[in-house]
PDB file of N, CA and C in Angstrom:
ATOM      1  N   MET A   1      95.737  25.887 -75.783  1.00  0.00           N
ATOM      2  CA  MET A   1      94.412  25.885 -76.367  1.00  0.00           C
ATOM      3  C   MET A   1      93.336  25.831 -75.274  1.00  0.00           C
ATOM      4  N   VAL A   2      93.567  25.047 -74.244  1.00  0.00           N
ATOM      5  CA  VAL A   2      92.597  24.928 -73.161  1.00  0.00           C
ATOM      6  C   VAL A   2      92.409  26.267 -72.482  1.00  0.00           C
ATOM      7  N   ALA A   3      93.513  26.963 -72.195  1.00  0.00           N
ATOM      8  CA  ALA A   3      93.410  28.256 -71.526  1.00  0.00           C
ATOM      9  C   ALA A   3      92.649  29.255 -72.395  1.00  0.00           C
ATOM     10  N   THR A   4      92.835  29.199 -73.701  1.00  0.00           N
ATOM     11  CA  THR A   4      92.131  30.092 -74.617  1.00  0.00           C
ATOM     12  C   THR A   4      90.630  29.811 -74.578  1.00  0.00           C
ATOM     13  N   GLY A   5      90.270  28.538 -74.589  1.00  0.00           N
ATOM     14  CA  GLY A   5      88.869  28.166 -74.505  1.00  0.00           C
ATOM     15  C   GLY A   5      88.242  28.638 -73.216  1.00  0.00           C
ATOM     16  N   ARG A   6      88.952  28.496 -72.130  1.00  0.00           N
ATOM     17  CA  ARG A   6      88.431  28.937 -70.833  1.00  0.00           C
ATOM     18  C   ARG A   6      88.258  30.447 -70.805  1.00  0.00           C
ATOM     19  N   ARG A   7      89.233  31.160 -71.333  1.00  0.00           N
ATOM     20  CA  ARG A   7      89.141  32.625 -71.372  1.00  0.00           C
ATOM     21  C   ARG A   7      87.966  33.076 -72.226  1.00  0.00           C
ATOM     22  N   LEU A   8      87.782  32.437 -73.368  1.00  0.00           N
ATOM     23  CA  LEU A   8      86.661  32.768 -74.239  1.00  0.00           C
ATOM     24  C   LEU A   8      85.340  32.480 -73.512  1.00  0.00           C
ATOM     25  N   GLY A   9      85.261  31.376 -72.824  1.00  0.00           N
ATOM     26  CA  GLY A   9      84.072  31.028 -72.063  1.00  0.00           C
ATOM     27  C   GLY A   9      83.766  32.063 -70.991  1.00  0.00           C
ATOM     28  N   VAL A  10      84.773  32.518 -70.288  1.00  0.00           N
ATOM     29  CA  VAL A  10      84.590  33.557 -69.272  1.00  0.00           C
ATOM     30  C   VAL A  10      84.126  34.853 -69.924  1.00  0.00           C
ATOM     31  N   ASN A  11      84.710  35.188 -71.073  1.00  0.00           N
ATOM     32  CA  ASN A  11      84.329  36.413 -71.779  1.00  0.00           C
ATOM     33  C   ASN A  11      82.861  36.342 -72.208  1.00  0.00           C
ATOM     34  N   ILE A  12      82.447  35.211 -72.770  1.00  0.00           N
ATOM     35  CA  ILE A  12      81.054  35.047 -73.193  1.00  0.00           C
ATOM     36  C   ILE A  12      80.133  35.163 -71.992  1.00  0.00           C
ATOM     37  N   PHE A  13      80.456  34.472 -70.911  1.00  0.00           N
ATOM     38  CA  PHE A  13      79.615  34.510 -69.720  1.00  0.00           C
ATOM     39  C   PHE A  13      79.534  35.920 -69.151  1.00  0.00           C
ATOM     40  N   THR A  14      80.631  36.630 -69.100  1.00  0.00           N
ATOM     41  CA  THR A  14      80.648  37.987 -68.566  1.00  0.00           C
ATOM     42  C   THR A  14      79.783  38.916 -69.421  1.00  0.00           C
ATOM     43  N   LEU A  15      79.920  38.815 -70.730  1.00  0.00           N
ATOM     44  CA  LEU A  15      79.106  39.657 -71.603  1.00  0.00           C
ATOM     45  C   LEU A  15      77.645  39.272 -71.547  1.00  0.00           C
ATOM     46  N   MET A  16      77.347  38.006 -71.318  1.00  0.00           N
ATOM     47  CA  MET A  16      75.954  37.586 -71.123  1.00  0.00           C
ATOM     48  C   MET A  16      75.381  38.249 -69.863  1.00  0.00           C
ATOM     49  N   GLN A  17      76.179  38.275 -68.794  1.00  0.00           N
ATOM     50  CA  GLN A  17      75.718  38.913 -67.568  1.00  0.00           C
ATOM     51  C   GLN A  17      75.457  40.404 -67.779  1.00  0.00           C
ATOM     52  N   LYS A  18      76.370  41.055 -68.462  1.00  0.00           N
ATOM     53  CA  LYS A  18      76.209  42.488 -68.735  1.00  0.00           C
ATOM     54  C   LYS A  18      74.966  42.766 -69.574  1.00  0.00           C
ATOM     55  N   ALA A  19      74.650  41.861 -70.483  1.00  0.00           N
ATOM     56  CA  ALA A  19      73.495  42.035 -71.360  1.00  0.00           C
ATOM     57  C   ALA A  19      72.209  41.454 -70.759  1.00  0.00           C
ATOM     58  N   HIS A  20      72.314  40.895 -69.556  1.00  0.00           N
ATOM     59  CA  HIS A  20      71.182  40.269 -68.859  1.00  0.00           C
ATOM     60  C   HIS A  20      70.562  39.159 -69.699  1.00  0.00           C
ATOM     61  N   ILE A  21      71.415  38.338 -70.288  1.00  0.00           N
ATOM     62  CA  ILE A  21      70.988  37.191 -71.084  1.00  0.00           C
ATOM     63  C   ILE A  21      71.379  35.916 -70.337  1.00  0.00           C
ATOM     64  N   SER A  22      70.396  35.086 -70.081  1.00  0.00           N
ATOM     65  CA  SER A  22      70.662  33.819 -69.375  1.00  0.00           C
ATOM     66  C   SER A  22      71.164  32.776 -70.343  1.00  0.00           C
ATOM     67  N   ARG A  23      71.676  31.702 -69.795  1.00  0.00           N
ATOM     68  CA  ARG A  23      72.130  30.584 -70.632  1.00  0.00           C
ATOM     69  C   ARG A  23      70.967  30.013 -71.442  1.00  0.00           C
ATOM     70  N   GLU A  24      69.797  29.935 -70.767  1.00  0.00           N
ATOM     71  CA  GLU A  24      68.624  29.430 -71.453  1.00  0.00           C
ATOM     72  C   GLU A  24      68.243  30.318 -72.636  1.00  0.00           C
ATOM     73  N   ASP A  25      68.276  31.629 -72.410  1.00  0.00           N
ATOM     74  CA  ASP A  25      67.917  32.575 -73.477  1.00  0.00           C
ATOM     75  C   ASP A  25      68.884  32.504 -74.648  1.00  0.00           C
ATOM     76  N   LEU A  26      70.184  32.436 -74.339  1.00  0.00           N
ATOM     77  CA  LEU A  26      71.172  32.365 -75.414  1.00  0.00           C
ATOM     78  C   LEU A  26      71.012  31.068 -76.209  1.00  0.00           C
ATOM     79  N   ALA A  27      70.750  29.984 -75.494  1.00  0.00           N
ATOM     80  CA  ALA A  27      70.547  28.700 -76.156  1.00  0.00           C
ATOM     81  C   ALA A  27      69.369  28.783 -77.129  1.00  0.00           C
ATOM     82  N   LYS A  28      68.261  29.365 -76.695  1.00  0.00           N
ATOM     83  CA  LYS A  28      67.084  29.497 -77.566  1.00  0.00           C
ATOM     84  C   LYS A  28      67.383  30.391 -78.765  1.00  0.00           C
ATOM     85  N   GLN A  29      68.054  31.509 -78.517  1.00  0.00           N
ATOM     86  CA  GLN A  29      68.346  32.464 -79.597  1.00  0.00           C
ATOM     87  C   GLN A  29      69.247  31.853 -80.678  1.00  0.00           C
ATOM     88  N   LEU A  30      70.153  30.978 -80.266  1.00  0.00           N
ATOM     89  CA  LEU A  30      71.125  30.415 -81.191  1.00  0.00           C
ATOM     90  C   LEU A  30      70.754  29.033 -81.716  1.00  0.00           C
ATOM     91  N   GLY A  31      69.704  28.447 -81.117  1.00  0.00           N
ATOM     92  CA  GLY A  31      69.335  27.090 -81.517  1.00  0.00           C
ATOM     93  C   GLY A  31      70.251  26.032 -80.923  1.00  0.00           C
ATOM     94  N   TYR A  32      70.872  26.347 -79.773  1.00  0.00           N
ATOM     95  CA  TYR A  32      71.744  25.414 -79.079  1.00  0.00           C
ATOM     96  C   TYR A  32      70.957  24.764 -77.944  1.00  0.00           C
ATOM     97  N   THR A  33      71.533  23.725 -77.389  1.00  0.00           N
ATOM     98  CA  THR A  33      70.962  23.169 -76.158  1.00  0.00           C
ATOM     99  C   THR A  33      71.515  23.958 -74.993  1.00  0.00           C
ATOM    100  N   TYR A  34      70.795  23.901 -73.879  1.00  0.00           N
ATOM    101  CA  TYR A  34      71.280  24.526 -72.662  1.00  0.00           C
ATOM    102  C   TYR A  34      72.639  23.964 -72.286  1.00  0.00           C
ATOM    103  N   ARG A  35      72.802  22.660 -72.443  1.00  0.00           N
ATOM    104  CA  ARG A  35      74.072  21.991 -72.117  1.00  0.00           C
ATOM    105  C   ARG A  35      75.227  22.538 -72.965  1.00  0.00           C
ATOM    106  N   ASP A  36      74.952  22.776 -74.256  1.00  0.00           N
ATOM    107  CA  ASP A  36      75.984  23.347 -75.121  1.00  0.00           C
ATOM    108  C   ASP A  36      76.435  24.718 -74.643  1.00  0.00           C
ATOM    109  N   VAL A  37      75.486  25.537 -74.239  1.00  0.00           N
ATOM    110  CA  VAL A  37      75.841  26.879 -73.750  1.00  0.00           C
ATOM    111  C   VAL A  37      76.618  26.762 -72.441  1.00  0.00           C
ATOM    112  N   CYS A  38      76.250  25.832 -71.592  1.00  0.00           N
ATOM    113  CA  CYS A  38      77.027  25.620 -70.349  1.00  0.00           C
ATOM    114  C   CYS A  38      78.459  25.232 -70.692  1.00  0.00           C
ATOM    115  N   ARG A  39      78.620  24.281 -71.589  1.00  0.00           N
ATOM    116  CA  ARG A  39      79.948  23.833 -71.985  1.00  0.00           C
ATOM    117  C   ARG A  39      80.727  24.978 -72.627  1.00  0.00           C
ATOM    118  N   LEU A  40      80.058  25.807 -73.396  1.00  0.00           N
ATOM    119  CA  LEU A  40      80.705  26.949 -74.033  1.00  0.00           C
ATOM    120  C   LEU A  40      81.211  27.943 -72.990  1.00  0.00           C
ATOM    121  N   THR A  41      80.384  28.291 -72.028  1.00  0.00           N
ATOM    122  CA  THR A  41      80.794  29.269 -71.017  1.00  0.00           C
ATOM    123  C   THR A  41      81.829  28.704 -70.049  1.00  0.00           C
ATOM    124  N   GLU A  42      81.930  27.390 -69.987  1.00  0.00           N
ATOM    125  CA  GLU A  42      82.950  26.748 -69.167  1.00  0.00           C
ATOM    126  C   GLU A  42      84.248  26.547 -69.954  1.00  0.00           C
ATOM    127  N   GLY A  43      84.240  26.901 -71.220  1.00  0.00           N
ATOM    128  CA  GLY A  43      85.442  26.726 -72.042  1.00  0.00           C
ATOM    129  C   GLY A  43      85.661  25.304 -72.508  1.00  0.00           C
ATOM    130  N   ARG A  44      84.611  24.499 -72.470  1.00  0.00           N
ATOM    131  CA  ARG A  44      84.749  23.093 -72.856  1.00  0.00           C
ATOM    132  C   ARG A  44      84.163  22.793 -74.237  1.00  0.00           C
ATOM    133  N   LEU A  45      83.677  23.832 -74.905  1.00  0.00           N
ATOM    134  CA  LEU A  45      83.120  23.669 -76.252  1.00  0.00           C
ATOM    135  C   LEU A  45      83.678  24.814 -77.092  1.00  0.00           C
ATOM    136  N   LEU A  46      84.460  24.470 -78.073  1.00  0.00           N
ATOM    137  CA  LEU A  46      85.016  25.484 -78.977  1.00  0.00           C
ATOM    138  C   LEU A  46      84.214  25.489 -80.260  1.00  0.00           C
ATOM    139  N   LEU A  47      83.994  26.682 -80.772  1.00  0.00           N
ATOM    140  CA  LEU A  47      83.181  26.868 -81.967  1.00  0.00           C
ATOM    141  C   LEU A  47      83.969  27.475 -83.103  1.00  0.00           C
ATOM    142  N   PRO A  48      83.519  27.241 -84.314  1.00  0.00           N
ATOM    143  CA  PRO A  48      84.190  27.877 -85.461  1.00  0.00           C
ATOM    144  C   PRO A  48      83.899  29.384 -85.469  1.00  0.00           C
ATOM    145  N   PRO A  49      84.711  30.176 -86.166  1.00  0.00           N
ATOM    146  CA  PRO A  49      84.557  31.633 -86.176  1.00  0.00           C
ATOM    147  C   PRO A  49      83.153  32.102 -86.561  1.00  0.00           C
ATOM    148  N   LYS A  50      82.504  31.417 -87.498  1.00  0.00           N
ATOM    149  CA  LYS A  50      81.170  31.801 -87.924  1.00  0.00           C
ATOM    150  C   LYS A  50      80.176  31.774 -86.729  1.00  0.00           C
ATOM    151  N   GLU A  51      80.299  30.741 -85.914  1.00  0.00           N
ATOM    152  CA  GLU A  51      79.422  30.620 -84.735  1.00  0.00           C
ATOM    153  C   GLU A  51      79.748  31.676 -83.699  1.00  0.00           C
ATOM    154  N   LEU A  52      81.038  32.002 -83.537  1.00  0.00           N
ATOM    155  CA  LEU A  52      81.414  33.052 -82.604  1.00  0.00           C
ATOM    156  C   LEU A  52      80.825  34.387 -83.022  1.00  0.00           C
ATOM    157  N   SER A  53      80.773  34.618 -84.330  1.00  0.00           N
ATOM    158  CA  SER A  53      80.162  35.854 -84.852  1.00  0.00           C
ATOM    159  C   SER A  53      78.689  35.913 -84.494  1.00  0.00           C
ATOM    160  N   LYS A  54      77.989  34.797 -84.563  1.00  0.00           N
ATOM    161  CA  LYS A  54      76.561  34.751 -84.183  1.00  0.00           C
ATOM    162  C   LYS A  54      76.388  35.073 -82.695  1.00  0.00           C
ATOM    163  N   ILE A  55      77.241  34.487 -81.890  1.00  0.00           N
ATOM    164  CA  ILE A  55      77.170  34.740 -80.446  1.00  0.00           C
ATOM    165  C   ILE A  55      77.452  36.224 -80.168  1.00  0.00           C
ATOM    166  N   ALA A  56      78.485  36.752 -80.810  1.00  0.00           N
ATOM    167  CA  ALA A  56      78.837  38.145 -80.612  1.00  0.00           C
ATOM    168  C   ALA A  56      77.667  39.042 -80.983  1.00  0.00           C
ATOM    169  N   GLU A  57      76.988  38.731 -82.067  1.00  0.00           N
ATOM    170  CA  GLU A  57      75.844  39.533 -82.506  1.00  0.00           C
ATOM    171  C   GLU A  57      74.739  39.521 -81.450  1.00  0.00           C
ATOM    172  N   LYS A  58      74.458  38.352 -80.876  1.00  0.00           N
ATOM    173  CA  LYS A  58      73.431  38.239 -79.839  1.00  0.00           C
ATOM    174  C   LYS A  58      73.834  39.017 -78.578  1.00  0.00           C
ATOM    175  N   LEU A  59      75.131  39.163 -78.349  1.00  0.00           N
ATOM    176  CA  LEU A  59      75.628  39.881 -77.179  1.00  0.00           C
ATOM    177  C   LEU A  59      75.938  41.332 -77.503  1.00  0.00           C
ATOM    178  N   ASP A  60      75.547  41.776 -78.701  1.00  0.00           N
ATOM    179  CA  ASP A  60      75.705  43.151 -79.155  1.00  0.00           C
ATOM    180  C   ASP A  60      77.168  43.606 -79.112  1.00  0.00           C
ATOM    181  N   THR A  61      78.031  42.770 -79.668  1.00  0.00           N
ATOM    182  CA  THR A  61      79.457  43.076 -79.751  1.00  0.00           C
ATOM    183  C   THR A  61      80.020  42.453 -81.026  1.00  0.00           C
ATOM    184  N   THR A  62      81.329  42.535 -81.184  1.00  0.00           N
ATOM    185  CA  THR A  62      81.961  41.930 -82.352  1.00  0.00           C
ATOM    186  C   THR A  62      82.689  40.649 -81.916  1.00  0.00           C
ATOM    187  N   LYS A  63      82.992  39.820 -82.906  1.00  0.00           N
ATOM    188  CA  LYS A  63      83.740  38.587 -82.626  1.00  0.00           C
ATOM    189  C   LYS A  63      85.084  38.932 -82.002  1.00  0.00           C
ATOM    190  N   GLU A  64      85.755  39.943 -82.533  1.00  0.00           N
ATOM    191  CA  GLU A  64      87.088  40.342 -82.015  1.00  0.00           C
ATOM    192  C   GLU A  64      86.987  40.795 -80.558  1.00  0.00           C
ATOM    193  N   HIS A  65      85.952  41.576 -80.261  1.00  0.00           N
ATOM    194  CA  HIS A  65      85.779  42.051 -78.881  1.00  0.00           C
ATOM    195  C   HIS A  65      85.473  40.862 -77.959  1.00  0.00           C
ATOM    196  N   LEU A  66      84.689  39.934 -78.448  1.00  0.00           N
ATOM    197  CA  LEU A  66      84.349  38.745 -77.674  1.00  0.00           C
ATOM    198  C   LEU A  66      85.607  37.941 -77.338  1.00  0.00           C
ATOM    199  N   ILE A  67      86.489  37.816 -78.302  1.00  0.00           N
ATOM    200  CA  ILE A  67      87.717  37.034 -78.100  1.00  0.00           C
ATOM    201  C   ILE A  67      88.723  37.756 -77.191  1.00  0.00           C
ATOM    202  N   HIS A  68      88.838  39.060 -77.352  1.00  0.00           N
ATOM    203  CA  HIS A  68      89.881  39.812 -76.639  1.00  0.00           C
ATOM    204  C   HIS A  68      89.369  40.584 -75.443  1.00  0.00           C
ATOM    205  N   TYR A  69      88.147  40.394 -75.069  1.00  0.00           N
ATOM    206  CA  TYR A  69      87.548  41.124 -73.941  1.00  0.00           C
ATOM    207  C   TYR A  69      88.311  40.818 -72.652  1.00  0.00           C
ATOM    208  N   GLU A  70      88.570  41.831 -71.890  1.00  0.00           N
ATOM    209  CA  GLU A  70      89.259  41.672 -70.592  1.00  0.00           C
ATOM    210  C   GLU A  70      88.219  41.601 -69.502  1.00  0.00           C
ATOM    211  N   SER A  71      87.844  40.435 -69.103  1.00  0.00           N
ATOM    212  CA  SER A  71      86.740  40.270 -68.155  1.00  0.00           C
ATOM    213  C   SER A  71      87.199  40.096 -66.713  1.00  0.00           C
ATOM    214  N   ASP A  72      88.478  40.176 -66.466  1.00  0.00           N
ATOM    215  CA  ASP A  72      88.993  39.914 -65.119  1.00  0.00           C
ATOM    216  C   ASP A  72      88.350  40.806 -64.053  1.00  0.00           C
ATOM    217  N   SER A  73      87.993  42.030 -64.409  1.00  0.00           N
ATOM    218  CA  SER A  73      87.429  42.920 -63.403  1.00  0.00           C
ATOM    219  C   SER A  73      86.004  42.541 -63.041  1.00  0.00           C
ATOM    220  N   LEU A  74      85.322  41.778 -63.894  1.00  0.00           N
ATOM    221  CA  LEU A  74      83.946  41.411 -63.622  1.00  0.00           C
ATOM    222  C   LEU A  74      83.773  39.983 -63.125  1.00  0.00           C
ATOM    223  N   VAL A  75      84.575  39.095 -63.612  1.00  0.00           N
ATOM    224  CA  VAL A  75      84.500  37.688 -63.184  1.00  0.00           C
ATOM    225  C   VAL A  75      85.878  37.307 -62.675  1.00  0.00           C
ATOM    226  N   SER A  76      85.971  37.130 -61.384  1.00  0.00           N
ATOM    227  CA  SER A  76      87.281  36.789 -60.835  1.00  0.00           C
ATOM    228  C   SER A  76      87.640  35.343 -61.134  1.00  0.00           C
ATOM    229  N   GLU A  77      88.917  35.099 -61.313  1.00  0.00           N
ATOM    230  CA  GLU A  77      89.396  33.735 -61.530  1.00  0.00           C
ATOM    231  C   GLU A  77      89.338  32.995 -60.208  1.00  0.00           C
ATOM    232  N   LEU A  78      89.302  31.688 -60.290  1.00  0.00           N
ATOM    233  CA  LEU A  78      89.324  30.877 -59.075  1.00  0.00           C
ATOM    234  C   LEU A  78      90.615  31.164 -58.341  1.00  0.00           C
ATOM    235  N   GLN A  79      90.565  31.311 -57.051  1.00  0.00           N
ATOM    236  CA  GLN A  79      91.723  31.702 -56.278  1.00  0.00           C
ATOM    237  C   GLN A  79      92.882  30.714 -56.417  1.00  0.00           C
ATOM    238  N   TYR A  80      92.583  29.425 -56.446  1.00  0.00           N
ATOM    239  CA  TYR A  80      93.687  28.474 -56.528  1.00  0.00           C
ATOM    240  C   TYR A  80      94.439  28.574 -57.840  1.00  0.00           C
ATOM    241  N   MET A  81      93.810  29.099 -58.878  1.00  0.00           N
ATOM    242  CA  MET A  81      94.484  29.207 -60.170  1.00  0.00           C
ATOM    243  C   MET A  81      95.697  30.134 -60.100  1.00  0.00           C
ATOM    244  N   LYS A  82      95.613  31.149 -59.259  1.00  0.00           N
ATOM    245  CA  LYS A  82      96.692  32.124 -59.180  1.00  0.00           C
ATOM    246  C   LYS A  82      97.917  31.557 -58.482  1.00  0.00           C
ATOM    247  N   GLU A  83      97.725  30.435 -57.801  1.00  0.00           N
ATOM    248  CA  GLU A  83      98.856  29.827 -57.076  1.00  0.00           C
ATOM    249  C   GLU A  83      99.734  28.984 -57.958  1.00  0.00           C
ATOM    250  N   PHE A  84      99.278  28.640 -59.138  1.00  0.00           N
ATOM    251  CA  PHE A  84     100.075  27.847 -60.073  1.00  0.00           C
ATOM    252  C   PHE A  84     101.057  28.750 -60.806  1.00  0.00           C
ATOM    253  N   GLU A  85     102.317  28.424 -60.778  1.00  0.00           N
ATOM    254  CA  GLU A  85     103.309  29.234 -61.463  1.00  0.00           C
ATOM    255  C   GLU A  85     103.591  28.704 -62.862  1.00  0.00           C
ATOM    256  N   ASN A  86     103.361  27.447 -63.066  1.00  0.00           N
ATOM    257  CA  ASN A  86     103.609  26.837 -64.366  1.00  0.00           C
ATOM    258  C   ASN A  86     102.266  26.623 -65.057  1.00  0.00           C
ATOM    259  N   ARG A  87     102.033  27.348 -66.166  1.00  0.00           N
ATOM    260  CA  ARG A  87     100.751  27.269 -66.887  1.00  0.00           C
ATOM    261  C   ARG A  87     100.449  25.843 -67.362  1.00  0.00           C
ATOM    262  N   ASP A  88     101.474  25.087 -67.705  1.00  0.00           N
ATOM    263  CA  ASP A  88     101.239  23.720 -68.164  1.00  0.00           C
ATOM    264  C   ASP A  88     100.607  22.879 -67.058  1.00  0.00           C
ATOM    265  N   ASN A  89     101.061  23.072 -65.826  1.00  0.00           N
ATOM    266  CA  ASN A  89     100.491  22.347 -64.702  1.00  0.00           C
ATOM    267  C   ASN A  89      99.043  22.758 -64.486  1.00  0.00           C
ATOM    268  N   LEU A  90      98.770  24.035 -64.566  1.00  0.00           N
ATOM    269  CA  LEU A  90      97.413  24.542 -64.381  1.00  0.00           C
ATOM    270  C   LEU A  90      96.468  23.925 -65.418  1.00  0.00           C
ATOM    271  N   ASP A  91      96.873  23.962 -66.684  1.00  0.00           N
ATOM    272  CA  ASP A  91      96.027  23.406 -67.741  1.00  0.00           C
ATOM    273  C   ASP A  91      95.793  21.919 -67.544  1.00  0.00           C
ATOM    274  N   ARG A  92      96.803  21.212 -67.128  1.00  0.00           N
ATOM    275  CA  ARG A  92      96.662  19.763 -66.924  1.00  0.00           C
ATOM    276  C   ARG A  92      95.693  19.485 -65.766  1.00  0.00           C
ATOM    277  N   VAL A  93      95.813  20.211 -64.672  1.00  0.00           N
ATOM    278  CA  VAL A  93      94.901  20.013 -63.545  1.00  0.00           C
ATOM    279  C   VAL A  93      93.483  20.331 -63.969  1.00  0.00           C
ATOM    280  N   LEU A  94      93.277  21.405 -64.704  1.00  0.00           N
ATOM    281  CA  LEU A  94      91.937  21.766 -65.142  1.00  0.00           C
ATOM    282  C   LEU A  94      91.382  20.743 -66.113  1.00  0.00           C
ATOM    283  N   ASP A  95      92.235  20.210 -66.975  1.00  0.00           N
ATOM    284  CA  ASP A  95      91.784  19.141 -67.891  1.00  0.00           C
ATOM    285  C   ASP A  95      91.326  17.920 -67.105  1.00  0.00           C
ATOM    286  N   LEU A  96      92.079  17.555 -66.077  1.00  0.00           N
ATOM    287  CA  LEU A  96      91.704  16.411 -65.262  1.00  0.00           C
ATOM    288  C   LEU A  96      90.362  16.663 -64.552  1.00  0.00           C
ATOM    289  N   LEU A  97      90.171  17.870 -64.058  1.00  0.00           N
ATOM    290  CA  LEU A  97      88.901  18.208 -63.430  1.00  0.00           C
ATOM    291  C   LEU A  97      87.752  18.124 -64.445  1.00  0.00           C
ATOM    292  N   ASP A  98      87.975  18.624 -65.647  1.00  0.00           N
ATOM    293  CA  ASP A  98      86.949  18.527 -66.699  1.00  0.00           C
ATOM    294  C   ASP A  98      86.601  17.075 -67.002  1.00  0.00           C
ATOM    295  N   GLU A  99      87.611  16.241 -67.105  1.00  0.00           N
ATOM    296  CA  GLU A  99      87.386  14.836 -67.374  1.00  0.00           C
ATOM    297  C   GLU A  99      86.592  14.175 -66.233  1.00  0.00           C
ATOM    298  N   TYR A 100      86.927  14.541 -65.008  1.00  0.00           N
ATOM    299  CA  TYR A 100      86.204  14.010 -63.854  1.00  0.00           C
ATOM    300  C   TYR A 100      84.729  14.437 -63.887  1.00  0.00           C
ATOM    301  N   VAL A 101      84.474  15.694 -64.160  1.00  0.00           N
ATOM    302  CA  VAL A 101      83.092  16.181 -64.216  1.00  0.00           C
ATOM    303  C   VAL A 101      82.314  15.479 -65.316  1.00  0.00           C
ATOM    304  N   GLU A 102      82.918  15.340 -66.494  1.00  0.00           N
ATOM    305  CA  GLU A 102      82.251  14.648 -67.596  1.00  0.00           C
ATOM    306  C   GLU A 102      81.952  13.194 -67.238  1.00  0.00           C
ATOM    307  N   LEU A 103      82.894  12.553 -66.566  1.00  0.00           N
ATOM    308  CA  LEU A 103      82.688  11.163 -66.136  1.00  0.00           C
ATOM    309  C   LEU A 103      81.519  11.072 -65.150  1.00  0.00           C
ATOM    310  N   ARG A 104      81.509  11.971 -64.183  1.00  0.00           N
ATOM    311  CA  ARG A 104      80.427  11.953 -63.174  1.00  0.00           C
ATOM    312  C   ARG A 104      79.066  12.255 -63.804  1.00  0.00           C
ATOM    313  N   GLU A 105      79.064  13.165 -64.763  1.00  0.00           N
ATOM    314  CA  GLU A 105      77.797  13.507 -65.434  1.00  0.00           C
ATOM    315  C   GLU A 105      77.271  12.349 -66.281  1.00  0.00           C
ATOM    316  N   SER A 106      78.150  11.512 -66.765  1.00  0.00           N
ATOM    317  CA  SER A 106      77.723  10.383 -67.598  1.00  0.00           C
ATOM    318  C   SER A 106      77.176   9.217 -66.784  1.00  0.00           C
ATOM    319  N   MET A 107      77.350   9.281 -65.480  1.00  0.00           N
ATOM    320  CA  MET A 107      76.918   8.174 -64.629  1.00  0.00           C
ATOM    321  C   MET A 107      75.418   8.283 -64.326  1.00  0.00           C
TER     322      MET A 107
END
């Protein structure tokens, strides 16, 4: 589930870049906070299908395209991610990093 959220976040961010829409602009258009859009593009905020449809509309695409978009050619993955051979380990490390960032932001 974590990997799916991250992939969706990358897809949204990539399509935002292609459409020249900033995080601030998307937040205003959807009635979200800037922080929510950041969490969404980082894969740390999952939304129900209805909300994904709204985002897709703002990005001039469909919900299905948003979910299945292959963004690897536009946004490269972090280099260290490719070194993990076991996906479970990768997801756990990324979860720990997310928890650390959230903890630091709350201070």
